[in-house]
Structures are given as C-alpha cells and as structure tokens.
N, C-alpha and C. Protein backbone atom coordinates (compact mmCIF):
# COMPACT_ATOMS: atom_id res chain seq x y z
N UNK A 1 -134.48 -209.73 -11.30
CA UNK A 1 -133.33 -209.31 -10.02
C UNK A 1 -132.39 -208.81 -12.05
N UNK A 2 -130.85 -208.30 -11.20
CA UNK A 2 -130.63 -207.53 -12.05
C UNK A 2 -129.33 -209.44 -12.22
N UNK A 3 -128.44 -209.28 -13.57
CA UNK A 3 -127.12 -210.07 -13.53
C UNK A 3 -125.46 -209.64 -12.80
N UNK A 4 -125.52 -208.04 -12.15
CA UNK A 4 -123.99 -207.16 -11.97
C UNK A 4 -123.37 -208.63 -11.07
N UNK A 5 -122.00 -208.04 -10.66
CA UNK A 5 -122.14 -208.95 -9.81
C UNK A 5 -121.19 -208.29 -9.24
N UNK A 6 -122.27 -207.23 -8.95
CA UNK A 6 -121.57 -205.64 -8.31
C UNK A 6 -121.07 -206.23 -6.91
N UNK A 7 -119.52 -205.79 -6.11
CA UNK A 7 -119.98 -206.00 -4.57
C UNK A 7 -119.43 -205.09 -3.83
N UNK A 8 -120.17 -204.65 -3.79
CA UNK A 8 -120.22 -203.56 -1.68
C UNK A 8 -119.29 -204.07 0.03
N UNK A 9 -119.20 -202.96 -0.59
CA UNK A 9 -116.81 -202.77 0.04
C UNK A 9 -117.66 -202.64 0.74
N UNK A 10 -117.91 -203.06 2.62
CA UNK A 10 -118.27 -202.27 3.59
C UNK A 10 -116.85 -201.76 4.66
N UNK A 11 -116.88 -200.45 4.46
CA UNK A 11 -115.84 -200.64 5.27
C UNK A 11 -116.11 -199.55 7.46
N UNK A 12 -115.03 -200.92 7.94
CA UNK A 12 -115.10 -200.20 8.54
C UNK A 12 -115.36 -199.11 9.93
N UNK A 13 -116.15 -198.92 10.27
CA UNK A 13 -115.81 -197.08 10.95
C UNK A 13 -114.71 -197.26 11.99
N UNK A 14 -113.50 -197.62 11.67
CA UNK A 14 -113.17 -197.57 12.60
C UNK A 14 -111.62 -197.06 11.53
N UNK A 15 -112.44 -197.23 10.55
CA UNK A 15 -111.32 -196.65 9.44
C UNK A 15 -111.38 -195.48 9.12
N UNK A 16 -112.55 -195.50 9.25
CA UNK A 16 -113.42 -193.14 9.36
C UNK A 16 -112.36 -192.29 10.24
N UNK A 17 -112.42 -193.23 11.40
CA UNK A 17 -112.25 -192.27 12.51
C UNK A 17 -110.69 -192.59 12.74
N UNK A 18 -110.11 -193.34 12.12
CA UNK A 18 -108.56 -193.31 11.88
C UNK A 18 -108.03 -192.21 10.93
N UNK A 19 -108.55 -192.54 9.55
CA UNK A 19 -108.25 -191.09 9.04
C UNK A 19 -109.27 -190.00 9.24
N UNK A 20 -110.56 -189.65 9.55
CA UNK A 20 -110.44 -187.70 11.36
C UNK A 20 -109.07 -188.24 11.34
N UNK A 21 -108.75 -188.99 12.86
CA UNK A 21 -107.49 -188.96 13.12
C UNK A 21 -106.15 -187.90 12.77
N UNK A 22 -106.04 -188.94 11.87
CA UNK A 22 -105.09 -188.23 11.07
C UNK A 22 -104.86 -187.02 10.42
N UNK A 23 -105.99 -186.69 9.85
CA UNK A 23 -106.59 -185.92 9.25
C UNK A 23 -106.47 -184.10 10.74
N UNK A 24 -106.84 -184.30 11.13
CA UNK A 24 -107.24 -183.68 12.09
C UNK A 24 -105.91 -183.13 12.66
N UNK A 25 -104.48 -184.72 12.16
CA UNK A 25 -103.55 -184.71 13.40
C UNK A 25 -103.00 -183.12 11.82
N UNK A 26 -102.73 -183.60 11.45
CA UNK A 26 -101.73 -183.32 9.53
C UNK A 26 -102.23 -182.22 9.37
N UNK A 27 -104.06 -181.35 9.85
CA UNK A 27 -104.27 -179.98 10.43
C UNK A 27 -102.73 -179.69 10.99
N UNK A 28 -102.31 -179.69 12.82
CA UNK A 28 -101.42 -179.36 13.69
C UNK A 28 -100.90 -179.39 12.88
N UNK A 29 -99.89 -180.22 12.70
CA UNK A 29 -98.53 -180.42 11.88
C UNK A 29 -98.48 -179.12 10.98
N UNK A 30 -99.88 -178.80 10.02
CA UNK A 30 -99.88 -178.02 8.36
C UNK A 30 -99.17 -176.56 9.57
N UNK A 31 -100.36 -176.68 10.65
CA UNK A 31 -99.35 -175.06 11.15
C UNK A 31 -98.44 -175.00 12.26
N UNK A 32 -98.20 -176.34 12.50
CA UNK A 32 -96.73 -176.06 13.28
C UNK A 32 -95.97 -175.45 12.47
N UNK A 33 -95.76 -176.54 10.92
CA UNK A 33 -95.00 -176.09 10.42
C UNK A 33 -95.13 -174.48 9.79
N UNK A 34 -95.94 -173.44 9.89
CA UNK A 34 -95.85 -172.67 9.35
C UNK A 34 -95.57 -171.34 10.02
N UNK A 35 -95.00 -172.43 11.27
CA UNK A 35 -94.45 -171.12 12.44
C UNK A 35 -93.19 -171.30 11.39
N UNK A 36 -92.18 -172.40 11.17
CA UNK A 36 -90.91 -172.52 11.00
C UNK A 36 -90.94 -172.38 10.19
N UNK A 37 -89.44 -171.63 10.10
CA UNK A 37 -88.52 -171.05 8.13
C UNK A 37 -88.04 -172.14 8.79
N UNK A 38 -88.67 -172.33 6.93
CA UNK A 38 -87.86 -173.04 5.79
C UNK A 38 -87.05 -172.83 5.43
N UNK A 39 -87.70 -171.93 5.17
CA UNK A 39 -86.49 -171.33 4.24
C UNK A 39 -87.49 -171.09 2.64
N UNK A 40 -86.70 -171.59 1.11
CA UNK A 40 -88.19 -171.42 0.54
C UNK A 40 -88.01 -173.01 0.21
N UNK A 41 -88.70 -173.92 1.55
CA UNK A 41 -88.75 -174.67 1.74
C UNK A 41 -89.87 -175.29 1.91
N UNK A 42 -90.92 -174.30 2.87
CA UNK A 42 -91.98 -174.31 2.93
C UNK A 42 -93.25 -174.44 2.36
N UNK A 43 -93.25 -174.00 1.22
CA UNK A 43 -93.93 -174.38 0.13
C UNK A 43 -93.87 -175.36 -0.07
N UNK A 44 -92.67 -175.80 -0.16
CA UNK A 44 -93.08 -177.51 -0.23
C UNK A 44 -93.69 -178.28 0.35
N UNK A 45 -93.23 -177.65 1.55
CA UNK A 45 -93.78 -178.98 2.59
C UNK A 45 -95.39 -178.41 3.10
N UNK A 46 -95.02 -177.62 2.97
CA UNK A 46 -97.02 -177.23 3.19
C UNK A 46 -97.72 -177.85 1.97
N UNK A 47 -97.43 -177.53 0.76
CA UNK A 47 -98.55 -178.44 -0.47
C UNK A 47 -97.79 -180.08 0.09
N UNK A 48 -96.63 -180.72 0.21
CA UNK A 48 -96.82 -182.43 0.74
C UNK A 48 -98.38 -182.49 1.44
N UNK A 49 -97.78 -181.86 2.76
CA UNK A 49 -98.42 -181.99 3.45
C UNK A 49 -100.80 -181.94 2.99
N UNK A 50 -100.43 -180.59 2.57
CA UNK A 50 -101.71 -180.92 1.04
C UNK A 50 -102.29 -181.88 0.34
N UNK A 51 -101.12 -182.04 0.29
CA UNK A 51 -102.11 -183.28 -1.29
C UNK A 51 -102.27 -184.37 0.11
N UNK A 52 -101.07 -185.13 0.17
CA UNK A 52 -101.45 -186.28 1.26
C UNK A 52 -102.73 -186.39 2.00
N UNK A 53 -103.49 -184.90 2.24
CA UNK A 53 -104.61 -184.71 3.42
C UNK A 53 -105.47 -184.62 2.24
N UNK A 54 -106.06 -184.18 0.88
CA UNK A 54 -106.35 -185.20 -0.07
C UNK A 54 -106.52 -186.14 -0.70
N UNK A 55 -105.82 -186.75 -0.78
CA UNK A 55 -105.39 -188.26 -1.62
C UNK A 55 -106.37 -188.60 -0.62
N UNK A 56 -105.93 -188.65 1.44
CA UNK A 56 -107.14 -189.56 1.62
C UNK A 56 -108.18 -188.79 1.15
N UNK A 57 -108.96 -187.51 1.70
CA UNK A 57 -110.37 -187.89 1.62
C UNK A 57 -110.81 -188.33 -0.19
N UNK A 58 -110.21 -188.00 -0.27
CA UNK A 58 -110.28 -188.34 -2.16
C UNK A 58 -110.42 -190.48 -1.61
N UNK A 59 -108.74 -190.74 -0.88
CA UNK A 59 -109.28 -192.18 -1.53
C UNK A 59 -110.45 -192.91 -0.54
N UNK A 60 -110.67 -192.43 0.68
CA UNK A 60 -111.43 -192.56 2.11
C UNK A 60 -113.20 -192.13 1.48
N UNK A 61 -113.45 -191.16 2.15
CA UNK A 61 -114.66 -190.19 2.10
C UNK A 61 -115.12 -190.79 1.34
N UNK A 62 -113.99 -190.20 -0.53
CA UNK A 62 -115.28 -190.17 -1.41
C UNK A 62 -115.08 -191.20 -1.83
N UNK A 63 -114.81 -192.67 -0.64
CA UNK A 63 -114.55 -193.90 -1.82
C UNK A 63 -114.44 -194.31 -3.01
N UNK A 64 -112.93 -193.60 -3.57
CA UNK A 64 -112.37 -193.78 -4.65
C UNK A 64 -111.12 -195.72 -4.10
N UNK A 65 -110.78 -194.98 -3.18
CA UNK A 65 -110.47 -197.38 -3.05
C UNK A 65 -110.60 -198.02 -3.80
N UNK A 66 -112.60 -198.26 -2.99
CA UNK A 66 -113.11 -199.91 -3.35
C UNK A 66 -114.21 -199.84 -4.06
N UNK A 67 -113.57 -198.47 -5.76
CA UNK A 67 -114.28 -197.85 -5.86
C UNK A 67 -114.36 -198.93 -7.27
N UNK A 68 -114.67 -199.21 -8.38
CA UNK A 68 -114.96 -199.48 -10.17
C UNK A 68 -113.73 -199.38 -10.68
N UNK A 69 -113.31 -199.20 -11.66
CA UNK A 69 -111.74 -199.55 -12.25
C UNK A 69 -112.22 -197.95 -13.36
N UNK A 70 -113.42 -197.83 -13.97
CA UNK A 70 -113.68 -196.30 -13.67
C UNK A 70 -113.82 -194.99 -12.63
N UNK A 71 -114.11 -195.02 -12.05
CA UNK A 71 -114.68 -194.61 -11.04
C UNK A 71 -112.74 -193.90 -10.96
N UNK A 72 -111.93 -194.64 -10.88
CA UNK A 72 -110.90 -194.67 -10.48
C UNK A 72 -110.00 -193.62 -11.98
N UNK A 73 -110.63 -194.36 -13.05
CA UNK A 73 -109.78 -193.85 -14.63
C UNK A 73 -110.24 -192.41 -14.75
N UNK A 74 -111.61 -191.54 -14.40
CA UNK A 74 -112.14 -190.71 -13.56
C UNK A 74 -111.20 -189.80 -12.92
N UNK A 75 -111.29 -190.18 -12.15
CA UNK A 75 -109.60 -189.81 -11.05
C UNK A 75 -108.80 -189.38 -11.74
N UNK A 76 -108.10 -189.89 -12.47
CA UNK A 76 -106.92 -190.08 -12.55
C UNK A 76 -107.16 -189.43 -13.45
N UNK A 77 -107.53 -189.12 -15.03
CA UNK A 77 -108.59 -188.01 -15.63
C UNK A 77 -109.05 -186.86 -15.38
N UNK A 78 -109.41 -186.11 -13.86
CA UNK A 78 -109.19 -185.24 -13.51
C UNK A 78 -107.92 -184.57 -12.97
N UNK A 79 -107.66 -185.39 -12.44
CA UNK A 79 -106.23 -184.52 -11.72
C UNK A 79 -105.04 -184.55 -12.80
N UNK A 80 -105.27 -185.54 -14.74
CA UNK A 80 -104.98 -184.78 -15.44
C UNK A 80 -104.36 -183.65 -15.76
N UNK A 81 -106.20 -183.79 -16.11
CA UNK A 81 -106.68 -182.07 -16.89
C UNK A 81 -105.99 -181.14 -15.71
N UNK A 82 -106.66 -181.16 -14.63
CA UNK A 82 -106.29 -180.08 -14.18
C UNK A 82 -103.92 -179.42 -13.50
N UNK A 83 -104.06 -180.77 -13.80
CA UNK A 83 -102.55 -180.74 -13.88
C UNK A 83 -101.94 -179.94 -14.99
N UNK A 84 -102.44 -180.36 -16.53
CA UNK A 84 -102.61 -179.47 -17.58
C UNK A 84 -102.52 -178.24 -17.49
N UNK A 85 -103.52 -178.14 -16.72
CA UNK A 85 -104.54 -176.23 -16.70
C UNK A 85 -103.39 -175.78 -15.61
N UNK A 86 -103.15 -176.55 -15.15
CA UNK A 86 -101.59 -175.65 -14.02
C UNK A 86 -100.24 -175.18 -14.65
N UNK A 87 -100.36 -176.43 -15.56
CA UNK A 87 -98.67 -176.13 -16.83
C UNK A 87 -99.29 -175.11 -17.22
N UNK A 88 -100.14 -174.94 -18.03
CA UNK A 88 -100.64 -173.99 -19.05
C UNK A 88 -100.19 -172.32 -18.50
N UNK A 89 -100.51 -172.48 -17.39
CA UNK A 89 -100.93 -171.74 -16.65
C UNK A 89 -99.64 -170.91 -16.30
N UNK A 90 -98.48 -171.55 -15.78
CA UNK A 90 -97.51 -171.48 -14.79
C UNK A 90 -96.16 -170.94 -16.60
N UNK A 91 -96.31 -171.86 -17.67
CA UNK A 91 -95.45 -171.23 -18.31
C UNK A 91 -96.11 -169.92 -19.09
N UNK A 92 -97.17 -169.69 -18.88
CA UNK A 92 -97.85 -168.44 -19.41
C UNK A 92 -97.17 -167.53 -18.88
N UNK A 93 -96.92 -167.86 -17.07
CA UNK A 93 -96.66 -166.90 -15.94
C UNK A 93 -94.42 -166.80 -16.22
N UNK A 94 -94.39 -168.08 -16.35
CA UNK A 94 -92.90 -168.34 -16.56
C UNK A 94 -92.23 -167.03 -17.69
N UNK A 95 -92.53 -167.04 -19.30
CA UNK A 95 -92.71 -166.59 -20.83
C UNK A 95 -92.65 -165.46 -20.32
N UNK A 96 -93.55 -163.99 -19.63
CA UNK A 96 -93.43 -163.20 -19.48
C UNK A 96 -92.65 -162.28 -19.62
N UNK A 97 -91.57 -162.78 -18.93
CA UNK A 97 -89.74 -162.01 -18.72
C UNK A 97 -89.86 -161.61 -20.31
N UNK A 98 -90.22 -162.77 -21.08
CA UNK A 98 -89.32 -163.01 -22.73
C UNK A 98 -90.08 -161.81 -23.22
N UNK A 99 -91.95 -161.82 -22.68
CA UNK A 99 -92.28 -160.66 -23.74
C UNK A 99 -91.90 -158.81 -23.26
N UNK A 100 -91.11 -158.84 -22.44
CA UNK A 100 -91.15 -158.21 -21.69
C UNK A 100 -92.33 -157.50 -20.17
N UNK A 101 -93.18 -157.67 -20.21
CA UNK A 101 -93.97 -157.98 -19.29
C UNK A 101 -93.90 -158.02 -17.74
N UNK A 102 -94.44 -156.88 -17.20
CA UNK A 102 -94.18 -156.67 -16.23
C UNK A 102 -94.26 -158.46 -15.56
N UNK A 103 -93.29 -159.09 -14.35
CA UNK A 103 -94.46 -159.59 -13.55
C UNK A 103 -93.05 -160.58 -11.98
N UNK A 104 -93.29 -161.43 -11.93
CA UNK A 104 -92.86 -161.96 -11.03
C UNK A 104 -90.16 -161.49 -11.52
C-alpha cells in the first residue's frame, strides 16, 4: 500500500455545467461587444473577457483549482514565462521607431 496522503476532490457535475454555461454566455458577450464601438477600449474589453474565460478553463476543466501546490506553481511559472516573452517582443516593437525601422 502507498503511504501517500492524497485527497481526491470530486467535483459535482453541476459545477461543470455552471462553468460551461458561463463560458457560452461569455462567448455571446464577446460577440455582442464586438459590435459595439468602444473606441480604444474594445481590445481591453475583449482581452478581459478572454482572460476570464481562459481562467475558468484552467481552474475547473484542467483541475488546477483543486490541484497540488506544484501544479499551481507550474501554471504560474508558465504564465510568468508567457508574460516575459510577450514583454520582450513588445519592447522590440515599441523601440523600432528609435532605430529608424518603419513600424507602427
């Protein structure tokens, strides 16, 4: 026998259905917001909704919410790495004007 003190968390189906309905509703909200002219805020609203939906998928469907500390650390390390790489790419894009390279 194993001496592990693992606890398996059983998630009720109602939680999965609630998350699924929320994801469907947020997809409709995303489609609706895309038809509204918010000026420069459109991208921020769309990204906020996308981040919220991705968080639900990660937390519930990938079982990170009930996972171990190592699982949560791995997810956070991956997110940190993603933000770091995006920041480096954006720094390159932002500084192209300084070098005389045509860009935005």
